[in-house]
Protein backbone atom coordinates (compact mmCIF):
# COMPACT_ATOMS: atom_id res chain seq x y z
CA MET A 1 87.97 105.48 81.05
CA LYS A 2 89.08 102.83 83.50
CA ARG A 3 90.83 104.23 86.55
CA ILE A 4 91.83 102.55 89.79
CA LEU A 5 92.88 103.36 93.33
CA THR A 6 96.36 104.56 94.25
CA VAL A 7 98.23 102.17 96.56
CA LEU A 8 99.26 103.22 100.05
CA ALA A 9 102.85 103.59 98.91
CA ALA A 10 104.22 105.93 101.54
CA THR A 11 103.10 103.62 104.34
CA LEU A 12 104.99 100.77 102.74
CA LEU A 13 108.10 102.88 102.47
CA LEU A 14 107.88 104.09 106.03
CA THR A 15 107.04 100.82 107.76
CA ALA A 16 108.14 98.15 105.26
CA ALA A 17 105.14 96.12 106.37
CA MET A 18 101.40 96.54 106.09
CA ALA A 19 98.67 95.48 108.46
CA GLY A 20 96.04 93.31 106.84
CA THR A 21 93.19 94.85 108.85
CA ALA A 22 92.77 98.26 110.39
CA SER A 23 91.48 98.09 113.95
CA ALA A 24 89.70 100.59 116.14
CA SER A 25 92.85 101.23 118.16
CA SER A 26 94.88 102.09 115.05
CA TYR A 27 92.73 104.78 113.45
CA ASP A 28 94.96 107.63 114.57
CA SER A 29 97.99 106.01 112.98
CA VAL A 30 95.99 105.13 109.86
CA ALA A 31 95.04 108.80 109.49
CA GLU A 32 98.69 109.77 109.88
CA GLU A 33 99.76 107.28 107.23
CA LEU A 34 97.08 108.38 104.79
CA SER A 35 98.07 111.98 105.47
CA ALA A 36 101.69 111.16 104.63
CA ILE A 37 100.69 110.50 101.01
CA GLY A 38 98.26 113.41 100.81
CA VAL A 39 95.08 111.32 100.79
CA PHE A 40 93.69 112.30 104.20
CA ARG A 41 94.07 115.89 105.32
CA GLY A 42 92.97 117.71 108.41
CA THR A 43 91.98 121.27 109.20
CA ALA A 44 93.26 123.88 111.61
CA GLY A 45 91.72 121.71 114.30
CA GLY A 46 93.66 118.59 113.26
CA PHE A 47 92.21 115.45 111.70
CA GLU A 48 88.88 115.87 113.52
CA LEU A 49 88.37 112.13 113.60
CA ASP A 50 85.39 112.34 115.94
CA ARG A 51 83.04 114.14 113.55
CA ALA A 52 81.08 112.95 110.53
CA PRO A 53 82.66 113.53 107.10
CA THR A 54 80.71 115.52 104.52
CA ARG A 55 79.93 114.27 101.04
CA SER A 56 82.33 116.89 99.67
CA GLU A 57 85.16 115.62 101.88
CA ALA A 58 84.46 112.06 100.79
CA ALA A 59 84.53 113.12 97.12
CA ILE A 60 87.86 114.90 97.53
CA MET A 61 89.39 111.91 99.30
CA LEU A 62 88.17 109.50 96.64
CA VAL A 63 89.72 111.56 93.83
CA ARG A 64 93.02 111.55 95.74
CA LEU A 65 92.79 107.78 95.97
CA TYR A 66 92.45 107.68 92.21
CA GLY A 67 95.61 109.79 91.96
CA ALA A 68 93.57 112.25 89.89
CA GLU A 69 93.52 115.40 92.04
CA ASP A 70 95.84 117.41 89.76
CA GLU A 71 94.12 116.07 86.65
CA ALA A 72 90.70 117.02 88.03
CA LYS A 73 91.79 120.57 88.86
CA ALA A 74 93.36 121.11 85.45
CA ALA A 75 90.38 119.67 83.58
CA TYR A 76 87.90 121.69 85.62
CA GLU A 77 89.80 124.94 85.14
CA ALA A 78 90.04 124.26 81.39
CA GLY A 79 86.31 123.67 81.17
CA GLU A 80 86.79 120.06 80.07
CA ILE A 81 84.63 118.68 82.89
CA SER A 82 81.63 120.18 84.67
CA MET A 83 78.70 119.28 86.91
CA PRO A 84 75.12 120.53 87.35
CA PHE A 85 75.33 121.00 91.13
CA THR A 86 75.05 124.48 92.63
CA ASP A 87 75.83 123.68 96.28
CA VAL A 88 79.46 122.56 95.86
CA SER A 89 82.27 124.78 97.15
CA GLU A 90 85.09 126.02 94.96
CA THR A 91 87.46 123.69 96.78
CA ALA A 92 85.41 120.56 96.16
CA ALA A 93 84.14 121.47 92.68
CA PRO A 94 86.99 119.88 90.64
CA SER A 95 86.70 116.58 92.56
CA VAL A 96 82.92 116.39 92.33
CA ALA A 97 83.00 117.31 88.65
CA TRP A 98 85.63 114.65 87.95
CA LEU A 99 83.68 111.95 89.78
CA TYR A 100 80.47 113.03 88.04
CA SER A 101 82.17 112.89 84.62
CA GLN A 102 83.36 109.34 85.39
CA GLY A 103 79.91 108.19 86.46
CA ILE A 104 81.12 107.45 89.98
CA THR A 105 78.83 109.83 91.85
CA ASN A 106 75.41 111.42 91.46
CA GLY A 107 73.69 114.26 93.25
CA THR A 108 70.87 114.26 95.75
CA SER A 109 68.79 116.02 93.07
CA ALA A 110 69.28 117.34 89.54
CA THR A 111 70.98 120.50 90.87
CA THR A 112 72.26 119.59 94.33
CA PHE A 113 75.07 117.32 95.47
CA GLY A 114 74.33 117.48 99.18
CA ALA A 115 77.84 118.80 99.60
CA SER A 116 77.62 119.64 103.31
CA SER A 117 75.44 116.66 104.23
CA PRO A 118 77.03 113.86 106.25
CA CYS A 119 78.48 111.00 104.24
CA SER A 120 77.24 107.66 105.55
CA ALA A 121 79.13 104.39 105.61
CA LYS A 122 76.87 103.09 102.84
CA MET A 123 77.55 106.12 100.63
CA TYR A 124 81.32 105.95 101.05
CA CYS A 125 81.52 102.19 100.55
CA ALA A 126 79.47 102.59 97.37
CA PHE A 127 82.03 105.16 96.15
CA LEU A 128 84.89 102.77 96.91
CA LEU A 129 83.20 99.77 95.30
CA ARG A 130 82.66 101.75 92.09
CA ALA A 131 86.32 102.74 92.18
CA LEU A 132 87.25 99.06 92.47
CA GLY A 133 85.28 98.37 89.29
CA TYR A 134 81.96 97.19 90.70
CA GLU A 135 78.65 98.55 89.42
CA ASP A 136 75.65 99.12 91.63
CA GLY A 137 72.59 97.65 90.02
CA VAL A 138 74.80 95.06 88.33
CA ASP A 139 77.20 93.66 90.93
CA PHE A 140 75.38 94.84 94.03
CA LEU A 141 72.24 96.68 95.08
CA TYR A 142 72.73 99.99 96.85
CA ALA A 143 70.58 98.74 99.73
CA ASP A 144 73.04 95.86 100.18
CA THR A 145 76.20 97.99 99.85
CA LEU A 146 77.55 97.34 103.35
CA ASP A 147 77.12 93.58 103.13
CA PHE A 148 78.79 93.52 99.70
CA ALA A 149 81.63 95.79 100.91
CA MET A 150 82.26 93.60 103.95
CA LEU A 151 82.26 90.48 101.77
CA HIS A 152 84.97 92.06 99.58
CA GLY A 153 87.20 93.13 102.42
CA LEU A 154 86.49 96.86 102.86
CA PHE A 155 85.69 96.46 106.54
CA ASN A 156 84.50 94.04 109.20
CA LEU A 157 81.86 94.47 111.84
CA SER A 158 84.40 95.22 114.58
CA MET A 159 85.76 98.24 112.68
CA LEU A 160 82.70 100.48 112.49
CA ASP A 161 80.50 101.75 115.26
CA ALA A 162 76.80 101.36 114.65
CA ALA A 163 76.35 105.13 114.16
CA PRO A 164 77.33 107.67 113.17
CA PHE A 165 79.96 107.17 110.44
CA LEU A 166 82.90 109.36 111.51
CA ARG A 167 86.08 110.57 109.87
CA ASP A 168 88.07 107.94 111.74
CA ASP A 169 85.80 105.28 110.22
CA LEU A 170 86.33 106.82 106.79
CA ALA A 171 90.11 106.60 107.27
CA ALA A 172 89.89 102.96 108.36
CA VAL A 173 87.69 101.89 105.44
CA THR A 174 89.93 103.76 103.00
CA TYR A 175 92.97 101.95 104.39
CA GLN A 176 91.22 98.62 103.91
CA ALA A 177 90.21 99.47 100.34
CA LEU A 178 93.85 99.90 99.40
CA GLY A 179 94.39 96.19 99.97
CA ALA A 180 91.14 94.98 98.42
CA ASP A 181 91.08 93.15 95.10
CA LEU A 182 89.82 94.89 92.01
CA LYS A 183 86.72 93.39 90.45
CA ASP A 184 88.75 91.79 87.67
CA GLY A 185 91.18 90.33 90.21
CA SER A 186 94.14 92.07 88.58
CA THR A 187 97.33 92.97 90.40
CA TYR A 188 97.94 96.03 88.25
CA LEU A 189 98.38 98.40 91.18
CA LEU A 190 100.84 96.18 93.00
CA ALA A 191 102.82 95.67 89.81
CA SER A 192 102.92 99.44 89.29
CA LEU A 193 104.01 100.01 92.88
CA ILE A 194 106.78 97.41 92.70
CA HIS A 195 107.94 98.97 89.44
CA SER A 196 107.95 102.48 90.93
CA ILE A 197 109.28 101.90 94.42
CA ASP A 198 112.90 101.15 93.54
CA LYS A 199 113.56 104.81 92.73
CA TYR A 200 112.84 105.71 96.36
CA ALA A 201 114.32 102.75 98.23
CA ASN A 202 116.93 103.73 100.81
CA THR A 203 119.31 100.93 99.79
CA ALA A 204 122.49 100.54 97.79
CA SER A 205 120.79 98.20 95.31
CA VAL A 206 118.83 95.33 96.86
CA TYR A 207 116.69 95.18 100.01
CA GLY A 208 118.80 92.83 102.11
CA ALA A 209 120.08 95.89 104.00
CA PHE A 210 119.37 99.61 104.16
CA LEU A 211 121.60 102.68 104.31
CA LYS A 212 122.36 104.31 107.66
CA GLY A 213 121.58 107.75 106.26
CA VAL A 214 118.75 108.78 103.95
CA LYS A 215 119.93 109.35 100.38
CA LYS A 216 118.46 112.13 98.24
CA SER A 217 116.29 109.90 96.05
CA ALA A 218 114.74 108.21 99.10
CA ALA A 219 113.77 111.59 100.57
CA LYS A 220 111.76 112.63 97.52
CA THR A 221 107.96 112.61 97.50
CA PHE A 222 106.79 109.26 96.19
CA ARG A 223 104.87 109.25 92.93
CA LEU A 224 103.24 106.09 91.70
CA GLU A 225 103.91 105.55 88.00
CA LEU A 226 101.19 103.39 86.51
CA LEU A 227 102.48 100.77 84.13
CA PRO A 228 101.37 101.26 80.53
CA VAL A 229 98.49 99.06 79.44
CA VAL A 230 98.97 97.56 75.99
CA ASP A 231 95.94 96.00 74.37
CA GLY A 232 96.89 92.82 72.60
CA SER A 233 95.22 89.97 70.81
CA ARG A 234 96.46 87.35 73.29
CA THR A 235 95.87 86.80 76.98
CA GLY A 236 99.03 86.36 79.04
CA ARG A 237 99.39 84.16 82.09
CA ALA A 238 101.71 84.55 85.09
CA TYR A 239 102.71 81.77 87.49
CA ASN A 240 103.99 81.94 91.05
CA GLU A 241 105.30 78.43 91.59
CA ASP A 242 108.47 76.47 92.17
CA ILE A 243 110.14 75.99 88.79
CA HIS A 244 110.63 72.27 89.39
CA SER A 245 106.87 71.76 89.76
CA LEU A 246 105.83 74.23 87.09
CA ILE A 247 108.16 72.89 84.38
CA ARG A 248 106.27 69.58 84.50
CA THR A 249 102.91 71.21 83.76
CA VAL A 250 103.64 73.77 81.03
CA SER A 251 104.92 73.57 77.46
CA GLY A 252 105.56 75.87 74.54
CA ASP A 253 107.93 77.00 71.84
CA ILE A 254 110.42 79.18 73.75
CA LEU A 255 111.68 78.92 77.34
CA TYR A 256 113.85 81.75 78.65
CA LEU A 257 115.63 81.08 81.97
CA ASP A 258 117.23 83.77 84.13
CA PRO A 259 117.95 82.10 87.49
CA PRO A 260 120.03 83.53 90.37
CA TYR A 261 123.74 83.51 89.57
CA ASN A 262 125.24 83.57 93.05
CA ALA A 263 124.68 82.46 96.66
CA ARG A 264 122.62 85.51 97.67
CA GLN A 265 119.01 84.42 97.96
CA TYR A 266 116.46 86.53 96.10
CA CYS A 267 114.00 86.10 98.96
CA THR A 268 116.25 88.17 101.26
CA ASN A 269 117.40 90.61 98.59
CA TYR A 270 113.82 91.52 97.68
CA HIS A 271 111.89 90.81 100.88
CA VAL A 272 110.29 94.28 100.98
CA LEU A 273 108.82 93.73 97.52
CA GLU A 274 107.60 90.32 98.69
CA THR A 275 105.73 91.97 101.56
CA ILE A 276 104.18 94.51 99.18
CA ALA A 277 103.07 91.78 96.80
CA ARG A 278 101.59 89.65 99.58
CA TYR A 279 100.11 92.65 101.41
CA ASP A 280 100.59 90.90 104.74
CA ALA A 281 102.14 91.68 108.12
CA PRO A 282 104.96 89.16 108.63
CA GLN A 283 106.99 88.68 111.78
CA LEU A 284 110.31 90.42 111.09
CA LYS A 285 113.72 89.54 112.44
CA GLY A 286 117.22 90.96 112.46
CA LYS A 287 118.44 94.53 112.11
CA THR A 288 117.14 94.80 108.56
CA GLY A 289 113.70 93.38 109.33
CA LEU A 290 113.76 90.24 107.18
CA ARG A 291 110.68 88.07 106.85
CA ASP A 292 110.94 84.30 107.32
CA TYR A 293 112.28 82.86 104.06
CA ALA A 294 113.08 79.27 105.02
CA ALA A 295 110.52 77.90 102.55
CA GLN A 296 111.73 80.13 99.69
CA LYS A 297 115.40 79.24 99.41
CA SER A 298 116.48 78.42 95.88
CA ASP A 299 118.64 75.45 94.85
CA PHE A 300 120.14 77.77 92.23
CA CYS A 301 121.87 79.71 95.04
CA SER A 302 123.97 76.77 96.24
CA ALA A 303 127.08 75.46 94.50
CA ARG A 304 126.17 72.01 95.84
CA THR A 305 122.69 71.85 94.29
CA VAL A 306 122.67 74.25 91.34
CA ALA A 307 123.80 71.83 88.61
CA GLY A 308 121.23 69.21 89.59
CA ALA A 309 118.48 71.82 89.78
CA PHE A 310 119.39 73.17 86.36
CA GLU A 311 119.46 69.76 84.69
CA ASP A 312 116.10 68.89 86.23
CA VAL A 313 114.59 71.92 84.47
CA ILE A 314 116.24 71.18 81.12
CA ARG A 315 115.35 67.48 81.22
CA ASN A 316 111.67 68.12 81.93
CA ALA A 317 111.18 71.19 79.74
CA GLU A 318 108.75 70.52 76.88
CA PHE A 319 109.97 73.50 74.86
CA ARG A 320 111.60 73.54 71.44
CA TYR A 321 113.97 76.44 72.10
CA ILE A 322 115.60 77.02 75.50
CA PHE A 323 117.69 80.07 76.39
CA LEU A 324 119.68 80.56 79.59
CA SER A 325 121.06 83.92 80.71
CA TYR A 326 124.10 83.54 82.96
CA ASN A 327 127.51 85.15 83.51
CA ASN A 328 131.12 84.16 84.04
CA GLU A 329 130.92 84.60 87.83
CA GLY A 330 127.89 82.36 88.40
CA LEU A 331 127.96 79.31 90.66
CA MET A 332 127.67 77.00 87.64
CA PRO A 333 130.87 76.91 85.57
CA PHE A 334 130.55 77.43 81.83
CA ASP A 335 131.64 73.88 81.07
CA VAL A 336 128.98 72.40 83.35
CA ILE A 337 126.22 74.37 81.65
CA ARG A 338 127.43 73.41 78.21
CA SER A 339 127.75 69.74 79.16
CA ILE A 340 124.20 69.59 80.53
CA MET A 341 122.57 71.38 77.60
CA GLN A 342 124.44 69.36 74.97
CA LYS A 343 122.85 66.19 76.35
CA TYR A 344 119.44 67.35 75.17
CA GLY A 345 119.99 68.78 71.71
CA SER A 346 121.93 71.25 69.55
CA TYR A 347 123.78 73.83 71.66
CA GLU A 348 125.22 77.26 70.85
CA ILE A 349 126.62 80.12 72.95
CA PHE A 350 126.60 83.91 72.52
CA LEU A 351 128.46 86.27 74.82
CA THR A 352 129.10 89.96 75.45
CA ASP A 353 131.12 92.01 77.94
CA TYR A 354 129.63 94.56 80.33
CA LYS A 355 131.04 97.04 82.76
CA ARG A 356 130.53 95.65 86.25
CA PHE A 357 127.68 97.07 88.30
CA LYS A 358 128.91 98.06 91.75
CA ALA A 359 126.38 98.49 94.52
CA ASP A 360 128.99 99.60 97.04
CA THR A 361 132.73 100.09 97.48
CA ASP A 362 133.23 97.92 100.56
CA GLU A 363 136.75 96.46 100.38
CA ASN A 364 135.44 93.02 101.30
CA ARG A 365 133.06 92.95 98.36
CA ARG A 366 135.21 94.33 95.58
CA HIS A 367 135.79 92.04 92.63
CA LYS A 368 139.13 91.95 90.90
CA SER A 369 137.70 92.50 87.44
CA SER A 370 136.01 95.72 86.35
CA ARG A 371 134.00 93.89 83.68
CA THR A 372 131.83 90.80 83.49
CA THR A 373 130.90 88.50 80.63
CA GLU A 374 127.24 87.74 80.06
CA TYR A 375 126.36 84.47 78.36
CA LEU A 376 123.29 83.51 76.39
CA HIS A 377 123.26 79.71 76.23
CA CYS A 378 120.96 78.42 73.48
CA LEU A 379 119.50 74.93 73.09
CA LEU A 380 117.44 73.48 70.24
CA LYS A 381 115.96 70.57 72.16
CA ARG A 382 115.50 67.18 70.52
């Protein structure tokens, strides 16, 4: 069963920006942030960052990173998973059994796990690499674990003291692993996070501004909902390019266009999601903490440039069927869209009415109509 690490979602929600590299001076805050999502927990004596972690503690933390702690407890109690080790405490047993059943960890002997033994940097990085989809003996040799982990972004030489490997080091490496690429290079976790996060955002609708108070949904404990994986017979491909460049390099049967309708730039409305996707630490400005978006402005958000931008796409599109989703309040008038599309083939229009979505009740932003008309413009290109 393929499982992958849980993203550091709570940190994103709390700070709206993520550091690309944990540093020695930030380990206390890293522990706090990991604690906020239940991954890193302390004892009666606090986080105890200045002592070595045990193998049991590392196992528990790894299962939390997988988002499988509840699953492991339930499966262990039901007798669905087990382990041959006799030195594991009742607290750690579900986690160790789960990792053992997944082939992620082994014992120090046939009957011992070495539960109370210190966990070294090499041991923990090997755990994390396996979780990211790498196989020791195939992708890396255990003796070369630290070099391989450093190469793939789990830490750098300035992060870890020579010895011993302490709980603050474990927190720092864990933090780094959350931003590391999976072996297959997929962005599944980020896609799942972006899909899930909207339920907890403290905004009226988009991320251009935030609410002064915290609404009920934003105060709830965040739960990452993994996107369903559907096995298909075809491999999909996603692009992250300017449409005017991309349209000149791709072709196909059907092109569906859903550009911005109004003057509000998507790059400001969704800048928090942009930061999550990029996993960077941008310089922020303004009360709402916007990232620099000068290079991301869309011609579709300007009444002066939208018609020209649209025709450029239609003219250069090597697609048989072209569909445009737009509405009656967009910057491009209906007649302009129809005139452009009719130049390039057979045109037809379908429409339907919807109740207007209202993100707020500010008097300055109220529209006169309570409904909006959605258009589906259709072109059979010559």
